[in-house]
């Protein structure tokens, strides 16, 4: 049996909030909260930092769900350093926060950590960024590192959600 764990990027949460505002589409957000409660939707702390730069509904929502945001580990720091060594244009050096390499690093660390479960846990990155040629972005680097990257709608389909 396989269970999916999703590592979500800032772009997906922002798009979800823009197209399905929390106050208008509460059922979508309840499903997301269910994934968080089961430990199947997580993000690096950098995603929280990016989102809370603004003071909006999404910022309030993520503050209420801090348990989904994971502190960087020593291993993740090493992975991020390696990613940026090989893909320096993945980040924008002018931005205060840039979660992209941290999303990938969290997925890699989790994918290669020893499992203490009876079933397989598949780690999948969720981002709205699209694979475009050799442009260094989350899907490009994820593909190179054998980490699956999907968008929100694909995650909804995998989970069998209908609204």
N, C-alpha and C. Protein backbone atom coordinates (compact mmCIF):
# COMPACT_ATOMS: atom_id res chain seq x y z
N UNK A 1 0.84 -1.19 0.00
CA UNK A 1 0.00 0.00 0.00
C UNK A 1 0.88 1.24 0.00
N UNK A 2 0.45 2.28 -0.72
CA UNK A 2 1.21 3.52 -0.82
C UNK A 2 0.38 4.67 -0.29
N UNK A 3 1.04 5.57 0.42
CA UNK A 3 0.42 6.80 0.90
C UNK A 3 1.28 7.96 0.41
N UNK A 4 0.65 9.04 0.02
CA UNK A 4 1.40 10.20 -0.47
C UNK A 4 1.57 11.24 0.61
N UNK A 5 2.76 11.81 0.66
CA UNK A 5 3.05 12.95 1.51
C UNK A 5 3.41 14.09 0.56
N UNK A 6 2.73 15.21 0.68
CA UNK A 6 2.92 16.33 -0.22
C UNK A 6 3.74 17.42 0.46
N UNK A 7 4.76 17.90 -0.25
CA UNK A 7 5.58 19.01 0.22
C UNK A 7 5.19 20.19 -0.66
N UNK A 8 4.47 21.15 -0.09
CA UNK A 8 3.84 22.20 -0.89
C UNK A 8 4.68 23.47 -0.93
N UNK A 9 4.70 24.08 -2.10
CA UNK A 9 5.41 25.33 -2.35
C UNK A 9 4.48 26.52 -2.12
N UNK A 10 5.07 27.66 -1.87
CA UNK A 10 4.33 28.90 -1.68
C UNK A 10 3.39 29.17 -2.85
N UNK A 11 3.86 28.94 -4.07
CA UNK A 11 3.07 29.24 -5.27
C UNK A 11 1.72 28.53 -5.25
N UNK A 12 1.69 27.31 -4.76
CA UNK A 12 0.45 26.54 -4.74
C UNK A 12 -0.53 27.09 -3.71
N UNK A 13 -0.04 27.45 -2.55
CA UNK A 13 -0.93 28.02 -1.52
C UNK A 13 -1.47 29.38 -1.96
N UNK A 14 -0.62 30.19 -2.59
CA UNK A 14 -1.07 31.50 -3.06
C UNK A 14 -2.12 31.33 -4.16
N UNK A 15 -1.86 30.43 -5.10
CA UNK A 15 -2.84 30.19 -6.17
C UNK A 15 -4.16 29.66 -5.60
N UNK A 16 -4.06 28.72 -4.67
CA UNK A 16 -5.28 28.17 -4.07
C UNK A 16 -6.09 29.27 -3.41
N UNK A 17 -5.43 30.16 -2.68
CA UNK A 17 -6.12 31.25 -2.01
C UNK A 17 -6.69 32.26 -3.01
N UNK A 18 -5.97 32.50 -4.09
CA UNK A 18 -6.43 33.47 -5.10
C UNK A 18 -7.66 32.93 -5.82
N UNK A 19 -7.64 31.65 -6.18
CA UNK A 19 -8.73 31.07 -6.97
C UNK A 19 -9.84 30.46 -6.12
N UNK A 20 -9.55 30.13 -4.87
CA UNK A 20 -10.52 29.53 -3.96
C UNK A 20 -10.38 30.19 -2.59
N UNK A 21 -10.77 31.45 -2.47
CA UNK A 21 -10.58 32.16 -1.20
C UNK A 21 -11.17 31.38 -0.01
N UNK A 22 -10.47 31.43 1.08
CA UNK A 22 -10.82 30.67 2.28
C UNK A 22 -12.25 30.95 2.73
N UNK A 23 -12.68 32.20 2.64
CA UNK A 23 -14.03 32.55 3.12
C UNK A 23 -15.13 32.12 2.15
N UNK A 24 -14.78 31.84 0.90
CA UNK A 24 -15.79 31.47 -0.10
C UNK A 24 -15.81 29.96 -0.34
N UNK A 25 -14.65 29.30 -0.23
CA UNK A 25 -14.52 27.88 -0.50
C UNK A 25 -13.98 27.13 0.73
N UNK A 26 -14.69 27.15 1.85
CA UNK A 26 -14.16 26.51 3.05
C UNK A 26 -13.94 25.01 2.90
N UNK A 27 -14.72 24.34 2.02
CA UNK A 27 -14.57 22.88 1.88
C UNK A 27 -13.20 22.51 1.31
N UNK A 28 -12.67 23.32 0.41
CA UNK A 28 -11.33 23.07 -0.14
C UNK A 28 -10.30 23.13 0.98
N UNK A 29 -10.41 24.14 1.80
CA UNK A 29 -9.44 24.36 2.87
C UNK A 29 -9.58 23.32 3.98
N UNK A 30 -10.80 22.82 4.20
CA UNK A 30 -10.99 21.74 5.18
C UNK A 30 -10.27 20.47 4.72
N UNK A 31 -10.33 20.20 3.42
CA UNK A 31 -9.61 19.03 2.88
C UNK A 31 -8.10 19.20 3.08
N UNK A 32 -7.62 20.41 2.85
CA UNK A 32 -6.19 20.69 3.06
C UNK A 32 -5.84 20.48 4.54
N UNK A 33 -6.70 20.95 5.42
CA UNK A 33 -6.47 20.79 6.86
C UNK A 33 -6.47 19.32 7.26
N UNK A 34 -7.28 18.51 6.58
CA UNK A 34 -7.28 17.07 6.84
C UNK A 34 -5.93 16.44 6.50
N UNK A 35 -5.34 16.87 5.38
CA UNK A 35 -4.01 16.39 5.01
C UNK A 35 -2.96 16.83 6.04
N UNK A 36 -3.09 18.05 6.51
CA UNK A 36 -2.15 18.55 7.53
C UNK A 36 -2.28 17.72 8.80
N UNK A 37 -3.51 17.51 9.23
CA UNK A 37 -3.76 16.75 10.48
C UNK A 37 -3.19 15.33 10.40
N UNK A 38 -3.21 14.75 9.20
CA UNK A 38 -2.68 13.39 9.04
C UNK A 38 -1.18 13.38 8.76
N UNK A 39 -0.56 14.57 8.74
CA UNK A 39 0.87 14.66 8.49
C UNK A 39 1.25 14.46 7.04
N UNK A 40 0.27 14.58 6.14
CA UNK A 40 0.51 14.31 4.72
C UNK A 40 0.66 15.57 3.88
N UNK A 41 0.55 16.75 4.49
CA UNK A 41 0.80 18.01 3.79
C UNK A 41 1.73 18.83 4.66
N UNK A 42 2.93 19.04 4.15
CA UNK A 42 3.94 19.77 4.90
C UNK A 42 4.64 20.77 3.98
N UNK A 43 5.44 21.62 4.60
CA UNK A 43 6.22 22.61 3.84
C UNK A 43 7.39 23.02 4.71
N UNK A 44 8.45 23.49 4.07
CA UNK A 44 9.55 24.02 4.87
C UNK A 44 9.16 25.36 5.49
N UNK A 45 9.82 25.73 6.57
CA UNK A 45 9.55 26.99 7.28
C UNK A 45 9.66 28.20 6.35
N UNK A 46 10.48 28.12 5.32
CA UNK A 46 10.63 29.23 4.37
C UNK A 46 9.31 29.57 3.67
N UNK A 47 8.45 28.58 3.45
CA UNK A 47 7.14 28.85 2.84
C UNK A 47 6.32 29.72 3.79
N UNK A 48 6.33 29.40 5.06
CA UNK A 48 5.64 30.22 6.07
C UNK A 48 6.19 31.65 6.03
N UNK A 49 7.50 31.77 5.98
CA UNK A 49 8.12 33.10 5.95
C UNK A 49 7.70 33.90 4.72
N UNK A 50 7.63 33.25 3.56
CA UNK A 50 7.21 33.94 2.34
C UNK A 50 5.76 34.41 2.45
N UNK A 51 4.89 33.56 2.96
CA UNK A 51 3.47 33.88 3.00
C UNK A 51 3.16 34.95 4.04
N UNK A 52 3.82 34.90 5.19
CA UNK A 52 3.49 35.85 6.26
C UNK A 52 4.11 37.23 6.04
N UNK A 53 4.81 37.43 4.91
CA UNK A 53 5.26 38.78 4.57
C UNK A 53 4.04 39.67 4.32
N UNK A 54 2.96 39.07 3.85
CA UNK A 54 1.71 39.80 3.60
C UNK A 54 0.77 39.56 4.78
N UNK A 55 -0.14 40.47 4.95
CA UNK A 55 -1.14 40.33 6.00
C UNK A 55 -2.49 40.12 5.33
N UNK A 56 -2.80 38.86 5.03
CA UNK A 56 -4.05 38.54 4.35
C UNK A 56 -4.64 37.25 4.93
N UNK A 57 -5.71 36.78 4.32
CA UNK A 57 -6.39 35.56 4.79
C UNK A 57 -5.45 34.36 4.80
N UNK A 58 -4.62 34.26 3.76
CA UNK A 58 -3.70 33.12 3.68
C UNK A 58 -2.67 33.18 4.81
N UNK A 59 -2.17 34.36 5.10
CA UNK A 59 -1.20 34.52 6.20
C UNK A 59 -1.84 34.08 7.52
N UNK A 60 -3.08 34.45 7.73
CA UNK A 60 -3.79 34.04 8.96
C UNK A 60 -3.96 32.53 8.99
N UNK A 61 -4.30 31.93 7.85
CA UNK A 61 -4.52 30.49 7.77
C UNK A 61 -3.24 29.73 8.08
N UNK A 62 -2.12 30.15 7.48
CA UNK A 62 -0.87 29.41 7.73
C UNK A 62 -0.41 29.56 9.18
N UNK A 63 -0.68 30.70 9.78
CA UNK A 63 -0.31 30.89 11.19
C UNK A 63 -1.09 29.93 12.08
N UNK A 64 -2.31 29.60 11.68
CA UNK A 64 -3.14 28.66 12.45
C UNK A 64 -2.69 27.20 12.24
N UNK A 65 -1.88 26.97 11.21
CA UNK A 65 -1.45 25.61 10.87
C UNK A 65 0.08 25.50 10.85
N UNK A 66 0.69 26.09 11.85
CA UNK A 66 2.16 26.10 11.93
C UNK A 66 2.75 24.69 11.99
N UNK A 67 1.96 23.71 12.43
CA UNK A 67 2.48 22.35 12.55
C UNK A 67 2.89 21.76 11.20
N UNK A 68 2.39 22.33 10.11
CA UNK A 68 2.75 21.81 8.79
C UNK A 68 4.13 22.28 8.34
N UNK A 69 4.65 23.31 8.98
CA UNK A 69 5.92 23.90 8.55
C UNK A 69 7.08 23.32 9.35
N UNK A 70 8.03 22.78 8.63
CA UNK A 70 9.15 22.06 9.24
C UNK A 70 10.40 22.93 9.30
N UNK A 71 11.02 22.93 10.47
CA UNK A 71 12.28 23.65 10.67
C UNK A 71 13.36 22.97 9.83
N UNK A 72 14.31 23.76 9.32
CA UNK A 72 15.39 23.14 8.54
C UNK A 72 16.28 22.27 9.43
N UNK A 73 16.69 21.16 8.88
CA UNK A 73 17.60 20.26 9.58
C UNK A 73 19.00 20.45 9.01
N UNK A 74 19.97 19.89 9.71
CA UNK A 74 21.35 19.95 9.22
C UNK A 74 21.45 19.31 7.83
N UNK A 75 20.76 18.18 7.66
CA UNK A 75 20.78 17.48 6.38
C UNK A 75 20.17 18.34 5.27
N UNK A 76 19.04 19.02 5.57
CA UNK A 76 18.41 19.89 4.57
C UNK A 76 19.34 21.03 4.17
N UNK A 77 20.05 21.59 5.14
CA UNK A 77 20.99 22.67 4.85
C UNK A 77 22.06 22.17 3.87
N UNK A 78 22.56 20.97 4.11
CA UNK A 78 23.56 20.37 3.21
C UNK A 78 22.97 20.16 1.81
N UNK A 79 21.73 19.69 1.75
CA UNK A 79 21.08 19.44 0.47
C UNK A 79 20.86 20.76 -0.27
N UNK A 80 20.41 21.79 0.44
CA UNK A 80 20.20 23.11 -0.18
C UNK A 80 21.52 23.64 -0.73
N UNK A 81 22.59 23.50 0.03
CA UNK A 81 23.90 23.96 -0.44
C UNK A 81 24.29 23.25 -1.73
N UNK A 82 24.05 21.95 -1.80
CA UNK A 82 24.37 21.18 -3.00
C UNK A 82 23.48 21.60 -4.17
N UNK A 83 22.20 21.78 -3.91
CA UNK A 83 21.26 22.22 -4.95
C UNK A 83 21.72 23.55 -5.53
N UNK A 84 22.05 24.50 -4.65
CA UNK A 84 22.43 25.84 -5.12
C UNK A 84 23.80 25.84 -5.79
N UNK A 85 24.65 24.92 -5.41
CA UNK A 85 25.94 24.78 -6.09
C UNK A 85 25.71 24.36 -7.55
N UNK A 86 24.78 23.44 -7.75
CA UNK A 86 24.48 22.92 -9.08
C UNK A 86 23.48 23.77 -9.86
N UNK A 87 22.63 24.53 -9.12
CA UNK A 87 21.54 25.31 -9.75
C UNK A 87 21.45 26.69 -9.09
N UNK A 88 22.47 27.53 -9.26
CA UNK A 88 22.47 28.83 -8.58
C UNK A 88 21.31 29.75 -8.97
N UNK A 89 20.79 29.60 -10.17
CA UNK A 89 19.70 30.49 -10.59
C UNK A 89 18.33 30.03 -10.09
N UNK A 90 18.30 28.97 -9.28
CA UNK A 90 17.03 28.52 -8.69
C UNK A 90 16.45 29.58 -7.76
N UNK A 91 17.32 30.35 -7.12
CA UNK A 91 16.83 31.38 -6.19
C UNK A 91 17.05 32.78 -6.77
N UNK A 92 16.26 33.71 -6.27
CA UNK A 92 16.40 35.12 -6.60
C UNK A 92 17.12 35.75 -5.41
N UNK A 93 18.38 36.14 -5.61
CA UNK A 93 19.19 36.65 -4.50
C UNK A 93 18.66 37.96 -3.93
N UNK A 94 17.77 38.63 -4.65
CA UNK A 94 17.20 39.89 -4.16
C UNK A 94 16.00 39.69 -3.25
N UNK A 95 15.49 38.46 -3.18
CA UNK A 95 14.32 38.20 -2.33
C UNK A 95 14.76 37.91 -0.90
N UNK A 96 13.98 38.39 0.05
CA UNK A 96 14.29 38.15 1.46
C UNK A 96 14.20 36.66 1.78
N UNK A 97 13.15 36.01 1.27
CA UNK A 97 12.96 34.58 1.48
C UNK A 97 12.80 33.91 0.12
N UNK A 98 13.33 32.72 -0.02
CA UNK A 98 13.14 31.95 -1.24
C UNK A 98 13.05 30.48 -0.86
N UNK A 99 11.84 29.96 -0.86
CA UNK A 99 11.58 28.61 -0.37
C UNK A 99 11.94 27.51 -1.36
N UNK A 100 12.14 27.84 -2.63
CA UNK A 100 12.29 26.80 -3.65
C UNK A 100 13.30 25.70 -3.31
N UNK A 101 14.55 26.02 -2.98
CA UNK A 101 15.47 24.92 -2.69
C UNK A 101 15.10 24.16 -1.42
N UNK A 102 14.43 24.83 -0.49
CA UNK A 102 14.02 24.19 0.76
C UNK A 102 12.90 23.19 0.54
N UNK A 103 11.99 23.49 -0.39
CA UNK A 103 10.92 22.55 -0.73
C UNK A 103 11.53 21.26 -1.27
N UNK A 104 12.46 21.41 -2.18
CA UNK A 104 13.11 20.24 -2.79
C UNK A 104 13.93 19.48 -1.73
N UNK A 105 14.66 20.22 -0.90
CA UNK A 105 15.51 19.58 0.12
C UNK A 105 14.67 18.79 1.12
N UNK A 106 13.53 19.33 1.53
CA UNK A 106 12.65 18.62 2.46
C UNK A 106 12.15 17.32 1.81
N UNK A 107 11.77 17.40 0.54
CA UNK A 107 11.30 16.19 -0.17
C UNK A 107 12.41 15.15 -0.28
N UNK A 108 13.61 15.60 -0.59
CA UNK A 108 14.74 14.66 -0.72
C UNK A 108 15.05 14.02 0.63
N UNK A 109 15.14 14.84 1.67
CA UNK A 109 15.45 14.30 2.99
C UNK A 109 14.42 13.25 3.41
N UNK A 110 13.15 13.57 3.19
CA UNK A 110 12.09 12.64 3.58
C UNK A 110 12.09 11.39 2.70
N UNK A 111 12.38 11.55 1.43
CA UNK A 111 12.36 10.41 0.51
C UNK A 111 13.43 9.38 0.86
N UNK A 112 14.53 9.86 1.41
CA UNK A 112 15.64 8.95 1.69
C UNK A 112 15.82 8.65 3.17
N UNK A 113 14.87 9.10 3.99
CA UNK A 113 14.95 8.75 5.41
C UNK A 113 14.32 7.38 5.60
N UNK A 114 14.72 6.69 6.65
CA UNK A 114 14.18 5.35 6.87
C UNK A 114 12.73 5.45 7.33
N UNK A 115 11.89 4.61 6.78
CA UNK A 115 10.47 4.59 7.10
C UNK A 115 10.21 3.65 8.26
N UNK A 116 9.32 4.09 9.12
CA UNK A 116 8.92 3.26 10.25
C UNK A 116 7.47 2.82 10.09
N UNK A 117 7.05 2.64 8.84
CA UNK A 117 5.66 2.26 8.57
C UNK A 117 5.62 0.96 7.79
N UNK A 118 4.43 0.36 7.75
CA UNK A 118 4.24 -0.89 7.03
C UNK A 118 3.93 -0.68 5.56
N UNK A 119 3.67 0.59 5.17
CA UNK A 119 3.36 0.87 3.78
C UNK A 119 4.32 1.93 3.25
N UNK A 120 4.38 2.03 1.94
CA UNK A 120 5.29 2.97 1.28
C UNK A 120 4.72 4.37 1.34
N UNK A 121 5.55 5.33 1.69
CA UNK A 121 5.15 6.73 1.67
C UNK A 121 5.89 7.39 0.51
N UNK A 122 5.13 7.90 -0.43
CA UNK A 122 5.71 8.56 -1.59
C UNK A 122 5.73 10.06 -1.32
N UNK A 123 6.89 10.69 -1.50
CA UNK A 123 7.03 12.13 -1.28
C UNK A 123 6.88 12.85 -2.61
N UNK A 124 5.95 13.80 -2.68
CA UNK A 124 5.65 14.51 -3.92
C UNK A 124 5.66 16.01 -3.65
N UNK A 125 6.38 16.75 -4.47
CA UNK A 125 6.41 18.21 -4.38
C UNK A 125 5.18 18.76 -5.11
N UNK A 126 4.52 19.74 -4.50
CA UNK A 126 3.37 20.41 -5.11
C UNK A 126 3.76 21.86 -5.37
N UNK A 127 3.74 22.25 -6.63
CA UNK A 127 4.10 23.61 -7.03
C UNK A 127 3.30 24.00 -8.27
N UNK A 128 3.10 25.28 -8.43
CA UNK A 128 2.42 25.75 -9.64
C UNK A 128 3.43 26.12 -10.72
N UNK A 129 4.71 26.06 -10.41
CA UNK A 129 5.73 26.30 -11.43
C UNK A 129 5.66 25.18 -12.46
N UNK A 130 5.93 25.52 -13.70
CA UNK A 130 5.86 24.55 -14.80
C UNK A 130 7.25 24.29 -15.36
N UNK A 131 7.46 23.08 -15.83
CA UNK A 131 8.71 22.71 -16.47
C UNK A 131 8.78 23.44 -17.81
N UNK A 132 9.79 24.29 -17.97
CA UNK A 132 9.95 25.07 -19.21
C UNK A 132 11.40 24.95 -19.68
N UNK A 133 11.63 24.01 -20.57
CA UNK A 133 12.97 23.83 -21.11
C UNK A 133 13.98 23.56 -20.01
N UNK A 134 15.08 24.30 -20.05
CA UNK A 134 16.13 24.14 -19.05
C UNK A 134 16.10 25.22 -17.99
N UNK A 135 14.97 25.92 -17.85
CA UNK A 135 14.85 26.96 -16.83
C UNK A 135 14.92 26.30 -15.46
N UNK A 136 15.85 26.77 -14.63
CA UNK A 136 16.02 26.17 -13.31
C UNK A 136 14.90 26.64 -12.38
N UNK A 137 13.95 25.74 -12.15
CA UNK A 137 12.86 25.99 -11.22
C UNK A 137 12.58 24.68 -10.48
N UNK A 138 11.57 24.69 -9.63
CA UNK A 138 11.30 23.50 -8.82
C UNK A 138 11.08 22.24 -9.67
N UNK A 139 10.22 22.27 -10.71
CA UNK A 139 10.03 21.04 -11.50
C UNK A 139 11.31 20.56 -12.19
N UNK A 140 12.11 21.49 -12.70
CA UNK A 140 13.35 21.13 -13.40
C UNK A 140 14.32 20.44 -12.45
N UNK A 141 14.57 21.06 -11.29
CA UNK A 141 15.53 20.50 -10.33
C UNK A 141 14.97 19.21 -9.73
N UNK A 142 13.67 19.18 -9.44
CA UNK A 142 13.06 17.97 -8.89
C UNK A 142 13.22 16.79 -9.84
N UNK A 143 12.95 17.03 -11.12
CA UNK A 143 13.07 15.97 -12.12
C UNK A 143 14.50 15.44 -12.16
N UNK A 144 15.46 16.36 -12.14
CA UNK A 144 16.87 15.97 -12.17
C UNK A 144 17.23 15.11 -10.95
N UNK A 145 16.58 15.40 -9.81
CA UNK A 145 16.88 14.69 -8.57
C UNK A 145 15.89 13.55 -8.28
N UNK A 146 15.11 13.16 -9.28
CA UNK A 146 14.16 12.04 -9.18
C UNK A 146 13.09 12.25 -8.11
N UNK A 147 12.62 13.49 -7.97
CA UNK A 147 11.51 13.81 -7.06
C UNK A 147 10.34 14.23 -7.94
N UNK A 148 9.18 13.62 -7.74
CA UNK A 148 8.00 13.96 -8.53
C UNK A 148 7.49 15.34 -8.13
N UNK A 149 7.14 16.16 -9.13
CA UNK A 149 6.56 17.48 -8.89
C UNK A 149 5.25 17.59 -9.66
N UNK A 150 4.20 17.98 -8.96
CA UNK A 150 2.86 18.09 -9.55
C UNK A 150 2.25 19.44 -9.17
N UNK A 151 1.11 19.77 -9.77
CA UNK A 151 0.40 20.98 -9.37
C UNK A 151 -0.77 20.61 -8.46
N UNK A 152 -1.45 21.63 -7.96
CA UNK A 152 -2.56 21.42 -7.02
C UNK A 152 -3.67 20.55 -7.59
N UNK A 153 -4.07 20.85 -8.83
CA UNK A 153 -5.17 20.11 -9.44
C UNK A 153 -4.83 18.62 -9.53
N UNK A 154 -3.59 18.33 -9.86
CA UNK A 154 -3.16 16.93 -9.91
C UNK A 154 -3.23 16.31 -8.52
N UNK A 155 -2.82 17.06 -7.49
CA UNK A 155 -2.93 16.56 -6.12
C UNK A 155 -4.40 16.27 -5.77
N UNK A 156 -5.29 17.19 -6.14
CA UNK A 156 -6.72 16.98 -5.87
C UNK A 156 -7.21 15.71 -6.56
N UNK A 157 -6.77 15.48 -7.80
CA UNK A 157 -7.18 14.28 -8.54
C UNK A 157 -6.64 13.02 -7.89
N UNK A 158 -5.36 13.05 -7.49
CA UNK A 158 -4.77 11.88 -6.83
C UNK A 158 -5.54 11.55 -5.57
N UNK A 159 -5.92 12.59 -4.82
CA UNK A 159 -6.65 12.38 -3.56
C UNK A 159 -8.13 12.05 -3.81
N UNK A 160 -8.60 12.21 -5.04
CA UNK A 160 -10.01 11.91 -5.35
C UNK A 160 -10.97 12.98 -4.87
N UNK A 161 -10.47 14.19 -4.71
CA UNK A 161 -11.33 15.30 -4.23
C UNK A 161 -12.19 15.85 -5.34
N UNK A 162 -13.43 16.12 -4.98
CA UNK A 162 -14.36 16.80 -5.89
C UNK A 162 -15.07 17.88 -5.09
N UNK A 163 -15.25 19.02 -5.72
CA UNK A 163 -15.91 20.14 -5.02
C UNK A 163 -17.08 20.64 -5.82
